[in-house]
Amino acid sequence: MTSSSTALPVDPHGTDACSSKRRSEVDYEEGKGWDEETREMLEGKLHFSSSGGTLKKQFLNHPVSRHKFATVQPPERPLCAEEWSRLREGFQSPEIFEEVMLNNMIRYNSPIDVAKSLLTHVAKSNGDIGYNILVKYLALCVQQGKTSEICDVYDILKIRFKILESGAYNLLIKGLSNSDQWRMALTLLEEVKRVTVPSRSNYESCIKAAGRHREMTLACELYHEMLTKDLVPTLDVLQALFDYSRGMKDPALQKALFGILLYLRENQIYPHKTFMWSIKLWFESIPGENWKGHLTNIKDSGRCPVCNHQLEDSELTEEEYNNLRERIIRDVIHGMDTFRKTSPQLFEAVNWLAKDHARLLVLGRKHMLSNSSNWKREIMKEMQNKADFFFAENIALRSEDDAFLLYATLRSGKHCKFVTRDFLRDHKACLSDSVTRHLFRKWQRGHQIAVSPSAGGKRIIFLLKFLIYTEIHELCSSEELGNAFRVTSKLAC
């Protein structure tokens, strides 16, 4: 981005956009479809009755499988009671006919009138409509944006049940937030708060609803409230905040959006192209400013080809490096109780190898020494002739491997690089202040190597002279790793 005004600098001493706990739990994937509990209800795994006016959860003796009856084709027109009765009698499991039929109506997006005719038949036959059937019908209404029907179902549920479970609330909030009755979704959100912590989808539905109606102060309040509940926002809702804020001149809103950019930066979250475009358009829409955005590729020199700005160098000063190393040892290694969970010999061995300035150190588990299809003995022996290995006990806690990887890398000096697919967010979250977390991210950016197979998928190529390799049991087989060692044999001499 370039502008006639100065871009907001990143203040490493400033307050983080999110707590360290949230930073360690960033979710990259945009939420799609129904949430897990709502999906479970739609599959018919739970049954609810209104006995005594309270909601009682009962497991069905024969849970409805979404696969077993997936081929049931709903009728294309509303049926009368006699027609529904004939269909039910010919069904292989009549006791779950209505739920299976509604599941398939949702699947095929059947007309609402067809579903209404089924509910009319159920009410006449049983004198009542069960909770599960009502919620499945509600799901179809939400899917089709039928606001009037959603409100009708809500009125029925309020009368018959004192408390609703989260699946029904999720559907109601989602359906109403996408309608002109979106403020009812805010009321339902308050109802949920009285019982439990609302879900991420609850908050995000309400945030988007407020944004669509240009009530950005409310949207930001809900967003920050969501963060205080330790709920990690999806990129989808973050993008929506930028989209709905275009053309608005509001210092508080601008500060909140810059906070989101800092949040992405601190957590090394890389927006997808459409999100980047939304950020670009928001900058260009700020009244009274002269931003011009470009989507570009940064050169290896670290200089932007558009504005000629030199990006931040990943190299640390001696003082910064020493401070980071001591804090990692104190807050991450000691703080995670690694010593008490692992034998002292493990730490001593890693310490010795690091002090000995090994050119290549592989941290693994003892199961790698067993001759198997993944770890062939002759290839492992060849690799051990070219590098230093340390094999820890076969414990389940993989996160402890990363702690020793960090320790060995930092003890080996500023030149040392390390290889792992893990972004180490949990370890960064152990660092208690923003300054050290900023140094960690900066050091990590210049010293962590990502491993990717070649086009043929049989070779891993290292281009750096000094490295520590870890978690190889997850990345490739011993044969593939052996090929990588042959490529780098000159470096291991």
Protein backbone atom coordinates (compact mmCIF):
# COMPACT_ATOMS: atom_id res chain seq x y z
CA MET A 1 0.00 0.00 0.00
CA THR A 2 1.13 3.53 -0.72
CA SER A 3 -0.45 6.75 0.42
CA SER A 4 0.10 10.45 0.76
CA SER A 5 -0.26 9.83 4.48
CA THR A 6 2.00 7.64 6.57
CA ALA A 7 0.97 4.04 7.08
CA LEU A 8 0.27 3.05 10.66
CA PRO A 9 3.50 1.56 12.03
CA VAL A 10 3.59 -1.68 13.97
CA ASP A 11 4.40 -0.90 17.57
CA PRO A 12 6.06 -3.93 19.16
CA HIS A 13 5.48 -2.34 22.56
CA GLY A 14 1.78 -1.83 21.93
CA THR A 15 -1.19 -3.89 23.00
CA ASP A 16 -1.86 -6.97 20.91
CA ALA A 17 -5.07 -7.22 18.95
CA CYS A 18 -5.83 -10.56 20.59
CA SER A 19 -4.61 -12.40 23.65
CA SER A 20 -1.73 -14.84 23.29
CA LYS A 21 -4.10 -17.72 23.90
CA ARG A 22 -6.19 -16.78 20.91
CA ARG A 23 -3.11 -16.32 18.78
CA SER A 24 -2.14 -19.92 19.44
CA GLU A 25 -5.52 -21.15 18.22
CA VAL A 26 -5.93 -19.30 14.96
CA ASP A 27 -8.31 -20.96 12.63
CA TYR A 28 -7.56 -20.41 8.96
CA GLU A 29 -10.54 -22.15 7.49
CA GLU A 30 -13.71 -20.27 6.73
CA GLY A 31 -16.73 -21.92 8.37
CA LYS A 32 -18.96 -23.65 5.83
CA GLY A 33 -22.42 -25.22 6.12
CA TRP A 34 -24.02 -26.22 9.39
CA ASP A 35 -21.94 -26.34 12.56
CA GLU A 36 -21.27 -29.74 14.14
CA GLU A 37 -24.07 -29.76 16.70
CA THR A 38 -26.65 -28.51 14.22
CA ARG A 39 -25.51 -31.11 11.70
CA GLU A 40 -25.83 -33.80 14.37
CA MET A 41 -29.42 -32.79 14.95
CA LEU A 42 -30.23 -32.74 11.24
CA GLU A 43 -28.87 -36.27 10.96
CA GLY A 44 -31.38 -37.32 13.60
CA LYS A 45 -28.89 -38.54 16.20
CA LEU A 46 -30.69 -36.73 19.00
CA HIS A 47 -34.37 -36.64 19.94
CA PHE A 48 -36.05 -34.06 22.14
CA SER A 49 -39.43 -34.16 23.84
CA SER A 50 -41.42 -31.44 25.57
CA SER A 51 -42.54 -33.57 28.49
CA GLY A 52 -43.07 -31.39 31.55
CA GLY A 53 -42.32 -28.26 29.54
CA THR A 54 -38.55 -28.83 29.70
CA LEU A 55 -36.17 -30.02 27.05
CA LYS A 56 -35.01 -33.61 27.50
CA LYS A 57 -32.32 -35.18 25.35
CA GLN A 58 -32.87 -38.82 24.47
CA PHE A 59 -30.88 -40.98 22.12
CA LEU A 60 -32.96 -42.82 19.54
CA ASN A 61 -32.79 -46.59 19.54
CA HIS A 62 -32.28 -46.40 15.78
CA PRO A 63 -30.38 -43.22 14.89
CA VAL A 64 -31.12 -41.84 11.44
CA SER A 65 -28.18 -42.34 9.11
CA ARG A 66 -27.68 -39.66 6.48
CA HIS A 67 -26.19 -42.32 4.19
CA LYS A 68 -28.58 -45.24 4.64
CA PHE A 69 -31.60 -43.38 3.24
CA ALA A 70 -29.74 -40.88 1.07
CA THR A 71 -31.59 -41.97 -2.09
CA VAL A 72 -35.11 -41.25 -0.80
CA GLN A 73 -36.61 -38.74 -3.21
CA PRO A 74 -39.09 -36.28 -1.65
CA PRO A 75 -42.32 -35.59 -3.55
CA GLU A 76 -42.36 -32.58 -5.85
CA ARG A 77 -45.77 -31.32 -4.67
CA PRO A 78 -47.64 -31.13 -1.35
CA LEU A 79 -49.38 -34.40 -0.44
CA CYS A 80 -52.60 -35.04 1.42
CA ALA A 81 -52.72 -37.11 4.61
CA GLU A 82 -53.69 -40.31 2.77
CA GLU A 83 -50.76 -40.00 0.36
CA TRP A 84 -48.28 -39.44 3.19
CA SER A 85 -49.73 -42.45 5.03
CA ARG A 86 -49.22 -44.71 2.01
CA LEU A 87 -45.61 -43.54 1.62
CA ARG A 88 -44.97 -44.13 5.32
CA GLU A 89 -46.44 -47.64 5.25
CA GLY A 90 -44.19 -48.57 2.32
CA PHE A 91 -41.06 -47.24 4.02
CA GLN A 92 -38.66 -49.84 5.45
CA SER A 93 -38.41 -48.06 8.83
CA PRO A 94 -41.76 -46.28 9.39
CA GLU A 95 -40.79 -45.06 12.88
CA ILE A 96 -38.22 -42.67 11.39
CA PHE A 97 -40.01 -41.90 8.12
CA GLU A 98 -40.71 -38.23 8.87
CA GLU A 99 -37.14 -37.44 9.93
CA VAL A 100 -35.62 -39.22 6.94
CA MET A 101 -38.01 -37.44 4.60
CA LEU A 102 -37.17 -34.03 6.07
CA ASN A 103 -33.45 -34.78 5.85
CA ASN A 104 -33.88 -35.42 2.14
CA MET A 105 -36.04 -32.34 1.72
CA ILE A 106 -33.11 -30.35 3.09
CA ARG A 107 -30.75 -32.21 0.77
CA TYR A 108 -32.87 -31.61 -2.33
CA ASN A 109 -34.05 -28.16 -1.19
CA SER A 110 -37.71 -29.14 -1.55
CA PRO A 111 -40.43 -26.47 -1.70
CA ILE A 112 -41.59 -25.31 1.72
CA ASP A 113 -45.20 -26.22 0.89
CA VAL A 114 -44.18 -29.87 0.56
CA ALA A 115 -42.61 -29.82 4.03
CA LYS A 116 -45.66 -28.03 5.45
CA SER A 117 -47.94 -30.75 4.12
CA LEU A 118 -45.79 -33.36 5.90
CA LEU A 119 -45.98 -31.43 9.19
CA THR A 120 -49.76 -31.13 8.82
CA HIS A 121 -49.96 -34.90 8.37
CA VAL A 122 -47.78 -35.48 11.47
CA ALA A 123 -49.87 -33.10 13.59
CA LYS A 124 -53.13 -34.81 12.56
CA SER A 125 -51.72 -38.30 13.08
CA ASN A 126 -49.89 -37.75 16.38
CA GLY A 127 -51.62 -34.70 17.80
CA ASP A 128 -48.19 -33.12 18.17
CA ILE A 129 -45.02 -32.33 16.21
CA GLY A 130 -41.78 -33.49 17.82
CA TYR A 131 -38.86 -31.19 18.52
CA ASN A 132 -36.54 -32.92 16.06
CA ILE A 133 -39.03 -32.57 13.22
CA LEU A 134 -39.60 -28.90 14.01
CA VAL A 135 -35.87 -28.20 13.95
CA LYS A 136 -35.39 -30.03 10.64
CA TYR A 137 -38.23 -28.00 9.16
CA LEU A 138 -36.57 -24.88 10.59
CA ALA A 139 -33.33 -25.85 8.84
CA LEU A 140 -35.16 -26.01 5.50
CA CYS A 141 -36.71 -22.58 6.15
CA VAL A 142 -33.30 -21.10 6.99
CA GLN A 143 -31.79 -22.69 3.90
CA GLN A 144 -34.40 -20.95 1.74
CA GLY A 145 -34.50 -17.68 3.66
CA LYS A 146 -38.18 -17.99 4.62
CA THR A 147 -38.30 -15.34 7.34
CA SER A 148 -42.01 -15.61 8.12
CA GLU A 149 -41.79 -19.38 8.60
CA ILE A 150 -38.64 -19.01 10.74
CA CYS A 151 -40.50 -16.62 13.04
CA ASP A 152 -43.48 -19.00 13.20
CA VAL A 153 -41.27 -21.92 14.26
CA TYR A 154 -39.58 -19.72 16.86
CA ASP A 155 -42.97 -18.76 18.32
CA ILE A 156 -43.94 -22.44 18.56
CA LEU A 157 -40.64 -23.40 20.19
CA LYS A 158 -40.90 -20.56 22.73
CA ILE A 159 -44.37 -21.71 23.79
CA ARG A 160 -43.56 -25.41 24.02
CA PHE A 161 -40.03 -25.40 25.42
CA LYS A 162 -38.51 -23.39 28.25
CA ILE A 163 -34.97 -23.88 26.94
CA LEU A 164 -33.69 -24.54 23.43
CA GLU A 165 -30.44 -26.32 22.70
CA SER A 166 -27.62 -24.72 20.74
CA GLY A 167 -28.50 -26.32 17.39
CA ALA A 168 -31.88 -24.59 17.30
CA TYR A 169 -30.37 -21.27 18.41
CA ASN A 170 -27.73 -21.56 15.70
CA LEU A 171 -30.40 -22.01 13.04
CA LEU A 172 -32.61 -19.22 14.37
CA ILE A 173 -29.74 -16.73 14.65
CA LYS A 174 -28.41 -17.65 11.21
CA GLY A 175 -31.83 -17.40 9.58
CA LEU A 176 -32.93 -14.16 11.24
CA SER A 177 -29.58 -12.40 10.83
CA ASN A 178 -29.95 -12.74 7.05
CA SER A 179 -33.39 -11.11 7.07
CA ASP A 180 -35.05 -7.78 7.80
CA GLN A 181 -35.72 -9.20 11.28
CA TRP A 182 -31.99 -9.26 12.04
CA ARG A 183 -32.39 -7.50 15.38
CA MET A 184 -34.28 -10.56 16.62
CA ALA A 185 -31.01 -12.44 16.12
CA LEU A 186 -29.38 -10.03 18.61
CA THR A 187 -32.14 -10.81 21.11
CA LEU A 188 -31.54 -14.53 20.65
CA LEU A 189 -27.81 -13.98 21.12
CA GLU A 190 -28.58 -12.43 24.52
CA GLU A 191 -30.76 -15.45 25.36
CA VAL A 192 -27.88 -17.79 24.58
CA LYS A 193 -25.54 -15.75 26.80
CA ARG A 194 -27.79 -16.38 29.79
CA VAL A 195 -27.28 -20.13 29.38
CA THR A 196 -23.83 -20.61 27.85
CA VAL A 197 -21.13 -18.99 25.73
CA PRO A 198 -22.49 -18.34 22.22
CA SER A 199 -20.73 -20.12 19.39
CA ARG A 200 -18.44 -18.46 16.88
CA SER A 201 -21.11 -18.81 14.20
CA ASN A 202 -23.64 -17.04 16.48
CA TYR A 203 -21.38 -14.03 16.84
CA GLU A 204 -20.31 -13.96 13.22
CA SER A 205 -23.90 -14.10 11.95
CA CYS A 206 -24.78 -11.09 14.11
CA ILE A 207 -21.58 -9.22 13.15
CA LYS A 208 -22.35 -9.63 9.45
CA ALA A 209 -25.97 -8.59 9.99
CA ALA A 210 -24.89 -5.38 11.75
CA GLY A 211 -22.33 -4.73 9.02
CA ARG A 212 -24.84 -5.19 6.21
CA HIS A 213 -26.99 -2.52 7.84
CA ARG A 214 -23.99 -0.20 8.24
CA GLU A 215 -24.05 -0.35 12.03
CA MET A 216 -20.30 -0.79 12.25
CA THR A 217 -20.02 0.35 15.86
CA LEU A 218 -22.29 -2.53 16.86
CA ALA A 219 -20.41 -4.92 14.56
CA CYS A 220 -17.08 -3.99 16.15
CA GLU A 221 -18.51 -4.30 19.66
CA LEU A 222 -19.71 -7.82 18.88
CA TYR A 223 -16.34 -8.64 17.30
CA HIS A 224 -14.39 -7.54 20.37
CA GLU A 225 -16.86 -9.30 22.66
CA MET A 226 -16.29 -12.45 20.64
CA LEU A 227 -12.54 -12.15 21.21
CA THR A 228 -13.04 -11.82 24.98
CA LYS A 229 -14.81 -15.21 24.86
CA ASP A 230 -11.67 -16.78 23.34
CA LEU A 231 -13.50 -17.40 20.07
CA VAL A 232 -11.20 -17.22 17.04
CA PRO A 233 -12.72 -15.32 14.09
CA THR A 234 -12.74 -16.79 10.62
CA LEU A 235 -11.18 -14.93 7.71
CA ASP A 236 -14.70 -14.67 6.31
CA VAL A 237 -15.96 -12.38 9.08
CA LEU A 238 -12.73 -10.34 9.09
CA GLN A 239 -13.15 -9.74 5.37
CA ALA A 240 -16.79 -8.76 5.93
CA LEU A 241 -15.73 -6.06 8.40
CA PHE A 242 -13.51 -4.49 5.72
CA ASP A 243 -16.20 -4.84 3.04
CA TYR A 244 -18.94 -3.19 5.10
CA SER A 245 -16.64 -0.37 6.28
CA ARG A 246 -15.89 1.05 2.84
CA GLY A 247 -16.38 4.77 2.49
CA MET A 248 -16.88 5.37 6.21
CA LYS A 249 -14.89 8.07 8.02
CA ASP A 250 -14.71 6.88 11.61
CA PRO A 251 -11.44 7.00 13.61
CA ALA A 252 -12.62 4.29 16.03
CA LEU A 253 -13.58 2.00 13.14
CA GLN A 254 -10.28 2.68 11.39
CA LYS A 255 -8.42 1.80 14.59
CA ALA A 256 -10.35 -1.47 14.88
CA LEU A 257 -9.53 -2.44 11.29
CA PHE A 258 -5.85 -1.62 11.77
CA GLY A 259 -6.05 -3.86 14.83
CA ILE A 260 -7.21 -6.70 12.58
CA LEU A 261 -4.24 -6.10 10.27
CA LEU A 262 -1.89 -6.24 13.26
CA TYR A 263 -3.61 -9.44 14.37
CA LEU A 264 -2.96 -11.01 10.96
CA ARG A 265 0.65 -9.83 10.99
CA GLU A 266 1.45 -11.04 14.49
CA ASN A 267 -0.02 -14.46 13.79
CA GLN A 268 1.48 -14.86 10.31
CA ILE A 269 -1.98 -15.31 8.83
CA TYR A 270 -1.90 -14.68 5.11
CA PRO A 271 -5.19 -13.42 3.63
CA HIS A 272 -6.42 -15.09 0.48
CA LYS A 273 -6.66 -13.03 -2.70
CA THR A 274 -10.28 -11.91 -2.27
CA PHE A 275 -9.54 -10.80 1.30
CA MET A 276 -6.49 -8.87 0.09
CA TRP A 277 -8.69 -7.19 -2.50
CA SER A 278 -11.17 -6.20 0.22
CA ILE A 279 -8.35 -4.63 2.25
CA LYS A 280 -7.15 -2.75 -0.84
CA LEU A 281 -10.63 -1.41 -1.62
CA TRP A 282 -11.18 -0.32 1.98
CA PHE A 283 -7.96 1.71 2.03
CA GLU A 284 -8.86 3.35 -1.27
CA SER A 285 -12.37 4.22 -0.01
CA ILE A 286 -11.33 6.13 3.14
CA PRO A 287 -12.75 9.66 2.70
CA GLY A 288 -10.20 12.46 2.59
CA GLU A 289 -7.21 10.16 2.07
CA ASN A 290 -5.35 9.20 -1.07
CA TRP A 291 -4.53 5.51 -0.78
CA LYS A 292 -3.70 3.47 -3.85
CA GLY A 293 -3.37 -0.29 -3.45
CA HIS A 294 -1.59 -2.84 -5.62
CA LEU A 295 -1.40 -6.62 -5.51
CA THR A 296 2.23 -7.44 -6.20
CA ASN A 297 5.06 -9.89 -5.54
CA ILE A 298 7.94 -8.94 -3.26
CA LYS A 299 11.42 -9.52 -4.65
CA ASP A 300 14.07 -11.59 -2.90
CA SER A 301 15.78 -8.37 -1.88
CA GLY A 302 12.77 -7.57 0.31
CA ARG A 303 12.02 -4.37 -1.61
CA CYS A 304 8.51 -3.63 -2.86
CA PRO A 305 8.52 -3.11 -6.66
CA VAL A 306 5.60 -0.66 -6.42
CA CYS A 307 6.58 1.79 -3.66
CA ASN A 308 10.26 0.79 -3.36
CA HIS A 309 9.82 0.32 0.40
CA GLN A 310 12.31 -1.99 2.09
CA LEU A 311 10.51 -4.56 4.21
CA GLU A 312 11.57 -5.29 7.76
CA ASP A 313 14.76 -7.31 8.01
CA SER A 314 14.44 -10.65 9.78
CA GLU A 315 17.95 -10.46 11.26
CA LEU A 316 18.20 -9.81 15.00
CA THR A 317 20.93 -7.85 16.73
CA GLU A 318 23.19 -9.73 19.14
CA GLU A 319 21.31 -8.24 22.08
CA GLU A 320 17.89 -9.14 20.63
CA TYR A 321 19.03 -12.67 19.84
CA ASN A 322 20.44 -13.27 23.32
CA ASN A 323 17.29 -11.91 24.95
CA LEU A 324 15.09 -14.11 22.77
CA ARG A 325 17.19 -17.20 23.49
CA GLU A 326 17.00 -16.71 27.25
CA ARG A 327 13.25 -16.07 27.15
CA ILE A 328 12.63 -19.19 25.04
CA ILE A 329 14.57 -21.30 27.53
CA ARG A 330 12.83 -19.71 30.52
CA ASP A 331 9.24 -19.36 29.26
CA VAL A 332 8.94 -22.15 26.69
CA ILE A 333 11.33 -24.91 27.79
CA HIS A 334 11.00 -24.48 31.55
CA GLY A 335 7.47 -23.08 31.36
CA MET A 336 6.12 -26.17 29.58
CA ASP A 337 7.52 -28.47 32.30
CA THR A 338 9.48 -30.26 29.61
CA PHE A 339 12.19 -31.29 32.09
CA ARG A 340 9.71 -33.04 34.34
CA LYS A 341 8.03 -34.84 31.44
CA THR A 342 11.21 -36.03 29.73
CA SER A 343 14.33 -37.72 31.03
CA PRO A 344 17.29 -35.42 31.92
CA GLN A 345 19.43 -37.36 29.45
CA LEU A 346 17.32 -36.00 26.57
CA PHE A 347 18.03 -32.40 27.48
CA GLU A 348 21.72 -33.10 28.15
CA ALA A 349 22.14 -34.81 24.79
CA VAL A 350 20.52 -31.99 22.85
CA ASN A 351 22.59 -29.51 24.82
CA TRP A 352 25.81 -31.38 24.01
CA LEU A 353 25.00 -31.68 20.29
CA ALA A 354 24.16 -27.99 20.06
CA LYS A 355 27.37 -26.92 21.80
CA ASP A 356 29.35 -29.22 19.50
CA HIS A 357 28.07 -27.20 16.50
CA ALA A 358 26.72 -30.17 14.60
CA ARG A 359 26.21 -29.38 10.94
CA LEU A 360 23.04 -31.43 10.72
CA LEU A 361 21.00 -32.61 13.70
CA VAL A 362 17.95 -34.84 13.33
CA LEU A 363 15.57 -35.09 16.27
CA GLY A 364 13.44 -38.22 16.08
CA ARG A 365 11.84 -41.03 18.05
CA LYS A 366 13.18 -44.49 18.82
CA HIS A 367 10.58 -46.16 16.62
CA MET A 368 12.60 -44.87 13.66
CA LEU A 369 15.32 -47.40 14.55
CA SER A 370 12.95 -50.32 14.00
CA ASN A 371 13.33 -51.85 10.57
CA SER A 372 10.01 -51.14 8.86
CA SER A 373 8.55 -50.07 5.54
CA ASN A 374 8.79 -46.45 6.63
CA TRP A 375 12.22 -46.67 8.25
CA LYS A 376 14.53 -49.03 6.38
CA ARG A 377 17.55 -49.95 8.47
CA GLU A 378 20.16 -49.58 5.72
CA ILE A 379 18.96 -46.10 4.79
CA MET A 380 18.83 -45.00 8.42
CA LYS A 381 22.39 -46.27 8.88
CA GLU A 382 23.57 -44.31 5.85
CA MET A 383 21.99 -41.14 7.19
CA GLN A 384 23.52 -41.65 10.63
CA ASN A 385 26.95 -41.67 8.98
CA LYS A 386 26.29 -38.19 7.59
CA ALA A 387 24.51 -36.44 10.43
CA ASP A 388 23.98 -36.36 14.16
CA PHE A 389 20.80 -38.04 15.35
CA PHE A 390 19.04 -38.00 18.67
CA PHE A 391 16.20 -40.44 19.29
CA ALA A 392 13.82 -39.63 22.15
CA GLU A 393 11.39 -42.03 23.80
CA ASN A 394 8.21 -42.88 21.89
CA ILE A 395 5.91 -40.63 23.88
CA ALA A 396 2.70 -39.20 22.50
CA LEU A 397 3.36 -35.52 23.21
CA ARG A 398 4.78 -34.24 19.92
CA SER A 399 4.79 -30.64 21.13
CA GLU A 400 7.80 -31.43 23.34
CA ASP A 401 9.84 -32.21 20.23
CA ASP A 402 9.32 -28.64 19.08
CA ALA A 403 10.54 -27.24 22.40
CA PHE A 404 13.86 -29.10 22.08
CA LEU A 405 14.06 -28.15 18.42
CA LEU A 406 13.84 -24.48 19.43
CA TYR A 407 16.41 -24.93 22.17
CA ALA A 408 18.91 -26.71 19.91
CA THR A 409 18.50 -24.12 17.17
CA LEU A 410 18.94 -21.12 19.45
CA ARG A 411 21.91 -22.68 21.27
CA SER A 412 23.66 -23.31 17.94
CA GLY A 413 23.89 -19.61 17.12
CA LYS A 414 22.36 -16.96 14.90
CA HIS A 415 23.39 -18.78 11.73
CA CYS A 416 21.39 -21.94 12.48
CA LYS A 417 18.20 -22.73 10.56
CA PHE A 418 15.52 -25.26 11.47
CA VAL A 419 13.03 -27.28 9.45
CA THR A 420 9.46 -27.99 10.54
CA ARG A 421 5.97 -27.56 9.15
CA ASP A 422 4.68 -26.40 12.55
CA PHE A 423 4.17 -22.63 12.89
CA LEU A 424 4.99 -22.95 16.63
CA ARG A 425 2.10 -20.69 17.66
CA ASP A 426 1.60 -22.50 20.96
CA HIS A 427 5.24 -21.91 21.83
CA LYS A 428 5.09 -18.26 20.84
CA ALA A 429 1.99 -17.91 23.02
CA CYS A 430 4.09 -18.97 26.03
CA LEU A 431 6.09 -15.75 25.69
CA SER A 432 4.49 -13.32 28.08
CA ASP A 433 5.11 -9.94 26.44
CA SER A 434 4.50 -8.49 22.99
CA VAL A 435 8.12 -7.36 22.49
CA THR A 436 9.50 -10.89 22.81
CA ARG A 437 6.70 -12.33 20.67
CA HIS A 438 7.59 -9.78 18.00
CA LEU A 439 11.26 -10.83 18.15
CA PHE A 440 10.25 -14.49 17.96
CA ARG A 441 8.15 -13.91 14.85
CA LYS A 442 10.95 -11.89 13.26
CA TRP A 443 13.56 -14.56 14.03
CA GLN A 444 11.23 -17.35 12.91
CA ARG A 445 10.61 -15.67 9.56
CA GLY A 446 14.32 -15.68 8.76
CA HIS A 447 15.31 -19.06 10.19
CA GLN A 448 12.46 -21.52 9.66
CA ILE A 449 12.59 -23.62 6.50
CA ALA A 450 9.50 -25.13 4.95
CA VAL A 451 9.97 -28.53 3.34
CA SER A 452 8.19 -29.35 0.10
CA PRO A 453 8.66 -32.35 -2.20
CA SER A 454 9.96 -31.91 -5.72
CA ALA A 455 7.66 -32.31 -8.71
CA GLY A 456 8.26 -36.06 -8.77
CA GLY A 457 7.45 -36.37 -5.08
CA LYS A 458 10.55 -38.48 -4.38
CA ARG A 459 13.10 -35.93 -3.29
CA ILE A 460 13.33 -33.15 -0.75
CA ILE A 461 15.92 -30.51 -1.54
CA PHE A 462 17.58 -28.30 1.06
CA LEU A 463 19.17 -25.12 -0.17
CA LEU A 464 20.53 -23.80 3.11
CA LYS A 465 23.90 -24.61 4.62
CA PHE A 466 23.03 -24.97 8.28
CA LEU A 467 19.84 -26.60 9.45
CA ILE A 468 18.25 -28.78 12.09
CA TYR A 469 15.65 -31.20 10.84
CA THR A 470 12.75 -32.48 12.92
CA GLU A 471 9.51 -34.46 12.62
CA ILE A 472 10.79 -36.30 9.58
CA HIS A 473 8.50 -39.20 10.45
CA GLU A 474 5.57 -37.07 9.38
CA LEU A 475 7.06 -35.56 6.26
CA CYS A 476 8.46 -38.47 4.28
CA SER A 477 9.64 -42.06 4.36
CA SER A 478 13.22 -43.06 5.12
CA GLU A 479 13.84 -43.65 1.41
CA GLU A 480 12.74 -40.12 0.51
CA LEU A 481 14.75 -38.71 3.39
CA GLY A 482 17.74 -40.75 2.23
CA ASN A 483 17.50 -39.11 -1.18
CA ALA A 484 17.48 -35.73 0.53
CA PHE A 485 20.61 -36.64 2.47
CA ARG A 486 22.37 -37.69 -0.72
CA VAL A 487 21.55 -34.32 -2.25
CA THR A 488 23.00 -32.55 0.79
CA SER A 489 25.92 -34.89 1.44
CA LYS A 490 28.38 -32.13 0.63
CA LEU A 491 26.84 -29.99 3.35
CA ALA A 492 27.08 -32.75 5.93
CA CYS A 493 30.80 -33.37 5.49
